[in-house]
Amino acid sequence: MINTDKYEGHTEGEWDLHSMGDGWTIGQLRKIDRTLMQDAPLLLAEVKRLREENELLRKADWEYECLWTWLAENTNLLNTIEPLMEEWKKELIE
């Protein structure tokens, strides 16, 4: 996880970058803006990681919903499993 506090106070909106020969200069930017720009690859990697994690959680949630839908449709089985789950929860807490 990236500590985003170090970017607090960065320039919001478009930045005024100036062309310098065949490249761009960032020397006129404030230090905090340069830090944000330099960390862009790290921030992008974190966005990608979080998207992958979100996708895994979304799939797990969907599978969980499918399971409970199936169990609800098979109430006799659900009535057998629910008390067991409550017992297991108590055992985990103890």
N, C-alpha and C. Protein backbone atom coordinates (compact mmCIF):
# COMPACT_ATOMS: atom_id res chain seq x y z
N MET A 1 0.84 -1.17 0.00
CA MET A 1 0.00 0.00 0.00
C MET A 1 0.89 1.24 0.00
N ILE A 2 0.53 2.19 -0.80
CA ILE A 2 1.33 3.40 -0.94
C ILE A 2 0.82 4.49 0.00
N ASN A 3 1.75 5.16 0.67
CA ASN A 3 1.40 6.28 1.53
C ASN A 3 1.17 7.51 0.66
N THR A 4 -0.09 7.87 0.46
CA THR A 4 -0.41 8.99 -0.42
C THR A 4 -0.34 10.33 0.29
N ASP A 5 -0.05 10.33 1.58
CA ASP A 5 0.05 11.60 2.32
C ASP A 5 1.14 12.51 1.75
N LYS A 6 2.17 11.90 1.18
CA LYS A 6 3.28 12.71 0.66
C LYS A 6 2.89 13.52 -0.57
N TYR A 7 1.71 13.25 -1.12
CA TYR A 7 1.24 14.00 -2.30
C TYR A 7 0.25 15.09 -1.93
N GLU A 8 -0.06 15.22 -0.64
CA GLU A 8 -1.01 16.24 -0.22
C GLU A 8 -0.49 17.63 -0.61
N GLY A 9 -1.37 18.41 -1.23
CA GLY A 9 -1.00 19.76 -1.63
C GLY A 9 -0.44 19.86 -3.03
N HIS A 10 -0.49 18.76 -3.81
CA HIS A 10 0.01 18.82 -5.18
C HIS A 10 -0.88 19.74 -6.01
N THR A 11 -0.35 20.21 -7.12
CA THR A 11 -1.11 21.07 -8.02
C THR A 11 -2.19 20.24 -8.69
N GLU A 12 -3.44 20.67 -8.53
CA GLU A 12 -4.55 19.95 -9.16
C GLU A 12 -4.83 20.54 -10.53
N GLY A 13 -5.44 19.74 -11.38
CA GLY A 13 -5.75 20.20 -12.73
C GLY A 13 -4.56 20.02 -13.65
N GLU A 14 -4.60 20.74 -14.76
CA GLU A 14 -3.51 20.62 -15.75
C GLU A 14 -2.27 21.34 -15.27
N TRP A 15 -1.12 20.75 -15.58
CA TRP A 15 0.15 21.37 -15.26
C TRP A 15 0.66 22.07 -16.50
N ASP A 16 1.38 23.15 -16.29
CA ASP A 16 1.93 23.92 -17.40
C ASP A 16 3.37 23.46 -17.62
N LEU A 17 3.54 22.49 -18.52
CA LEU A 17 4.87 21.97 -18.84
C LEU A 17 5.39 22.69 -20.08
N HIS A 18 6.67 22.92 -20.11
CA HIS A 18 7.28 23.65 -21.22
C HIS A 18 8.20 22.73 -22.00
N SER A 19 8.10 22.82 -23.33
CA SER A 19 8.97 22.05 -24.19
C SER A 19 10.37 22.62 -24.13
N MET A 20 11.36 21.73 -24.09
CA MET A 20 12.75 22.18 -24.05
C MET A 20 13.52 21.32 -25.03
N GLY A 21 13.70 21.80 -26.24
CA GLY A 21 14.39 21.01 -27.26
C GLY A 21 13.55 19.82 -27.65
N ASP A 22 14.12 18.62 -27.49
CA ASP A 22 13.39 17.42 -27.87
C ASP A 22 12.74 16.74 -26.66
N GLY A 23 12.64 17.44 -25.54
CA GLY A 23 12.03 16.84 -24.34
C GLY A 23 11.23 17.86 -23.57
N TRP A 24 10.92 17.52 -22.37
CA TRP A 24 10.13 18.37 -21.48
C TRP A 24 10.93 18.63 -20.22
N THR A 25 10.76 19.79 -19.65
CA THR A 25 11.43 20.10 -18.40
C THR A 25 10.42 20.07 -17.26
N ILE A 26 10.84 19.48 -16.15
CA ILE A 26 9.97 19.50 -14.98
C ILE A 26 10.63 20.31 -13.86
N GLY A 27 11.70 20.99 -14.20
CA GLY A 27 12.44 21.76 -13.21
C GLY A 27 11.63 22.87 -12.57
N GLN A 28 10.67 23.43 -13.30
CA GLN A 28 9.88 24.53 -12.77
C GLN A 28 8.72 24.05 -11.89
N LEU A 29 8.48 22.76 -11.86
CA LEU A 29 7.40 22.24 -11.02
C LEU A 29 7.80 22.27 -9.55
N ARG A 30 6.80 22.38 -8.70
CA ARG A 30 7.08 22.31 -7.27
C ARG A 30 7.56 20.91 -6.92
N LYS A 31 8.34 20.80 -5.85
CA LYS A 31 8.91 19.51 -5.45
C LYS A 31 7.83 18.45 -5.27
N ILE A 32 6.72 18.81 -4.67
CA ILE A 32 5.65 17.84 -4.43
C ILE A 32 5.06 17.33 -5.74
N ASP A 33 4.99 18.20 -6.75
CA ASP A 33 4.49 17.79 -8.06
C ASP A 33 5.48 16.87 -8.76
N ARG A 34 6.77 17.17 -8.61
CA ARG A 34 7.79 16.29 -9.21
C ARG A 34 7.74 14.91 -8.57
N THR A 35 7.55 14.87 -7.25
CA THR A 35 7.46 13.60 -6.54
C THR A 35 6.28 12.79 -7.06
N LEU A 36 5.16 13.45 -7.24
CA LEU A 36 3.97 12.77 -7.76
C LEU A 36 4.22 12.24 -9.17
N MET A 37 4.86 13.04 -9.99
CA MET A 37 5.15 12.64 -11.37
C MET A 37 6.13 11.46 -11.39
N GLN A 38 7.15 11.53 -10.55
CA GLN A 38 8.16 10.47 -10.52
C GLN A 38 7.57 9.15 -9.98
N ASP A 39 6.59 9.25 -9.11
CA ASP A 39 5.98 8.05 -8.53
C ASP A 39 4.83 7.50 -9.38
N ALA A 40 4.55 8.12 -10.52
CA ALA A 40 3.44 7.67 -11.37
C ALA A 40 3.51 6.17 -11.69
N PRO A 41 4.67 5.60 -12.01
CA PRO A 41 4.71 4.14 -12.27
C PRO A 41 4.31 3.31 -11.04
N LEU A 42 4.72 3.76 -9.85
CA LEU A 42 4.32 3.05 -8.62
C LEU A 42 2.82 3.15 -8.40
N LEU A 43 2.26 4.33 -8.64
CA LEU A 43 0.82 4.54 -8.47
C LEU A 43 0.03 3.70 -9.46
N LEU A 44 0.50 3.63 -10.69
CA LEU A 44 -0.17 2.82 -11.71
C LEU A 44 -0.12 1.34 -11.33
N ALA A 45 1.02 0.88 -10.85
CA ALA A 45 1.15 -0.52 -10.43
C ALA A 45 0.18 -0.81 -9.28
N GLU A 46 0.02 0.13 -8.37
CA GLU A 46 -0.90 -0.06 -7.24
C GLU A 46 -2.34 -0.11 -7.73
N VAL A 47 -2.70 0.73 -8.69
CA VAL A 47 -4.05 0.69 -9.27
C VAL A 47 -4.31 -0.67 -9.90
N LYS A 48 -3.34 -1.18 -10.65
CA LYS A 48 -3.50 -2.50 -11.28
C LYS A 48 -3.65 -3.60 -10.24
N ARG A 49 -2.84 -3.53 -9.18
CA ARG A 49 -2.91 -4.53 -8.12
C ARG A 49 -4.28 -4.50 -7.44
N LEU A 50 -4.77 -3.30 -7.15
CA LEU A 50 -6.07 -3.17 -6.49
C LEU A 50 -7.21 -3.64 -7.39
N ARG A 51 -7.09 -3.41 -8.69
CA ARG A 51 -8.12 -3.90 -9.62
C ARG A 51 -8.15 -5.42 -9.62
N GLU A 52 -6.98 -6.06 -9.62
CA GLU A 52 -6.92 -7.52 -9.59
C GLU A 52 -7.53 -8.04 -8.28
N GLU A 53 -7.18 -7.40 -7.18
CA GLU A 53 -7.71 -7.81 -5.88
C GLU A 53 -9.23 -7.62 -5.86
N ASN A 54 -9.71 -6.53 -6.40
CA ASN A 54 -11.14 -6.26 -6.45
C ASN A 54 -11.86 -7.32 -7.28
N GLU A 55 -11.26 -7.73 -8.39
CA GLU A 55 -11.85 -8.76 -9.24
C GLU A 55 -11.96 -10.10 -8.49
N LEU A 56 -10.91 -10.44 -7.74
CA LEU A 56 -10.94 -11.68 -6.96
C LEU A 56 -12.03 -11.63 -5.89
N LEU A 57 -12.15 -10.49 -5.23
CA LEU A 57 -13.18 -10.35 -4.20
C LEU A 57 -14.57 -10.38 -4.81
N ARG A 58 -14.73 -9.78 -5.98
CA ARG A 58 -16.02 -9.79 -6.65
C ARG A 58 -16.42 -11.22 -7.04
N LYS A 59 -15.46 -11.99 -7.54
CA LYS A 59 -15.73 -13.38 -7.88
C LYS A 59 -16.08 -14.20 -6.65
N ALA A 60 -15.34 -13.97 -5.57
CA ALA A 60 -15.61 -14.70 -4.33
C ALA A 60 -17.01 -14.36 -3.81
N ASP A 61 -17.39 -13.10 -3.89
CA ASP A 61 -18.71 -12.69 -3.46
C ASP A 61 -19.79 -13.34 -4.31
N TRP A 62 -19.56 -13.39 -5.62
CA TRP A 62 -20.52 -14.02 -6.53
C TRP A 62 -20.67 -15.51 -6.20
N GLU A 63 -19.54 -16.18 -5.95
CA GLU A 63 -19.59 -17.61 -5.62
C GLU A 63 -20.32 -17.83 -4.30
N TYR A 64 -20.08 -16.94 -3.35
CA TYR A 64 -20.76 -17.01 -2.06
C TYR A 64 -22.26 -16.86 -2.25
N GLU A 65 -22.68 -15.89 -3.06
CA GLU A 65 -24.10 -15.69 -3.34
C GLU A 65 -24.71 -16.91 -4.02
N CYS A 66 -23.98 -17.49 -4.97
CA CYS A 66 -24.48 -18.71 -5.65
C CYS A 66 -24.67 -19.84 -4.65
N LEU A 67 -23.72 -20.00 -3.75
CA LEU A 67 -23.82 -21.05 -2.75
C LEU A 67 -25.05 -20.86 -1.88
N TRP A 68 -25.25 -19.64 -1.39
CA TRP A 68 -26.40 -19.40 -0.51
C TRP A 68 -27.72 -19.49 -1.27
N THR A 69 -27.73 -19.13 -2.53
CA THR A 69 -28.94 -19.30 -3.34
C THR A 69 -29.27 -20.78 -3.47
N TRP A 70 -28.25 -21.58 -3.74
CA TRP A 70 -28.45 -23.01 -3.85
C TRP A 70 -28.92 -23.61 -2.53
N LEU A 71 -28.30 -23.17 -1.45
CA LEU A 71 -28.70 -23.69 -0.14
C LEU A 71 -30.14 -23.27 0.20
N ALA A 72 -30.51 -22.05 -0.17
CA ALA A 72 -31.87 -21.59 0.09
C ALA A 72 -32.88 -22.43 -0.69
N GLU A 73 -32.48 -22.84 -1.87
CA GLU A 73 -33.37 -23.68 -2.69
C GLU A 73 -33.43 -25.11 -2.16
N ASN A 74 -32.45 -25.47 -1.35
CA ASN A 74 -32.38 -26.80 -0.76
C ASN A 74 -32.45 -26.65 0.76
N THR A 75 -33.57 -26.14 1.21
CA THR A 75 -33.76 -25.75 2.61
C THR A 75 -33.43 -26.86 3.59
N ASN A 76 -33.80 -28.09 3.27
CA ASN A 76 -33.53 -29.19 4.20
C ASN A 76 -32.03 -29.30 4.49
N LEU A 77 -31.21 -29.11 3.48
CA LEU A 77 -29.76 -29.14 3.67
C LEU A 77 -29.30 -27.94 4.48
N LEU A 78 -29.87 -26.78 4.17
CA LEU A 78 -29.52 -25.56 4.89
C LEU A 78 -29.84 -25.70 6.37
N ASN A 79 -31.00 -26.27 6.68
CA ASN A 79 -31.39 -26.45 8.08
C ASN A 79 -30.43 -27.38 8.82
N THR A 80 -29.77 -28.26 8.10
CA THR A 80 -28.79 -29.16 8.69
C THR A 80 -27.45 -28.45 8.89
N ILE A 81 -27.08 -27.63 7.92
CA ILE A 81 -25.75 -27.00 7.94
C ILE A 81 -25.69 -25.80 8.88
N GLU A 82 -26.74 -24.99 8.94
CA GLU A 82 -26.69 -23.76 9.75
C GLU A 82 -26.30 -24.01 11.21
N PRO A 83 -26.92 -24.98 11.90
CA PRO A 83 -26.50 -25.22 13.29
C PRO A 83 -25.03 -25.65 13.39
N LEU A 84 -24.58 -26.42 12.41
CA LEU A 84 -23.16 -26.83 12.42
C LEU A 84 -22.24 -25.62 12.27
N MET A 85 -22.63 -24.71 11.40
CA MET A 85 -21.81 -23.49 11.20
C MET A 85 -21.75 -22.67 12.49
N GLU A 86 -22.86 -22.57 13.19
CA GLU A 86 -22.87 -21.84 14.46
C GLU A 86 -21.95 -22.50 15.48
N GLU A 87 -21.95 -23.83 15.52
CA GLU A 87 -21.05 -24.55 16.41
C GLU A 87 -19.60 -24.29 16.05
N TRP A 88 -19.30 -24.30 14.75
CA TRP A 88 -17.92 -24.06 14.30
C TRP A 88 -17.47 -22.65 14.65
N LYS A 89 -18.37 -21.70 14.50
CA LYS A 89 -18.04 -20.31 14.87
C LYS A 89 -17.67 -20.22 16.35
N LYS A 90 -18.47 -20.87 17.19
CA LYS A 90 -18.20 -20.85 18.64
C LYS A 90 -16.85 -21.48 18.93
N GLU A 91 -16.56 -22.58 18.26
CA GLU A 91 -15.27 -23.27 18.48
C GLU A 91 -14.09 -22.39 18.06
N LEU A 92 -14.27 -21.62 16.98
CA LEU A 92 -13.21 -20.74 16.52
C LEU A 92 -12.95 -19.61 17.51
N ILE A 93 -14.00 -19.14 18.14
CA ILE A 93 -13.88 -18.02 19.08
C ILE A 93 -13.21 -18.49 20.37
N GLU A 94 -13.49 -19.72 20.76
CA GLU A 94 -12.94 -20.24 22.03
C GLU A 94 -11.48 -20.52 21.96
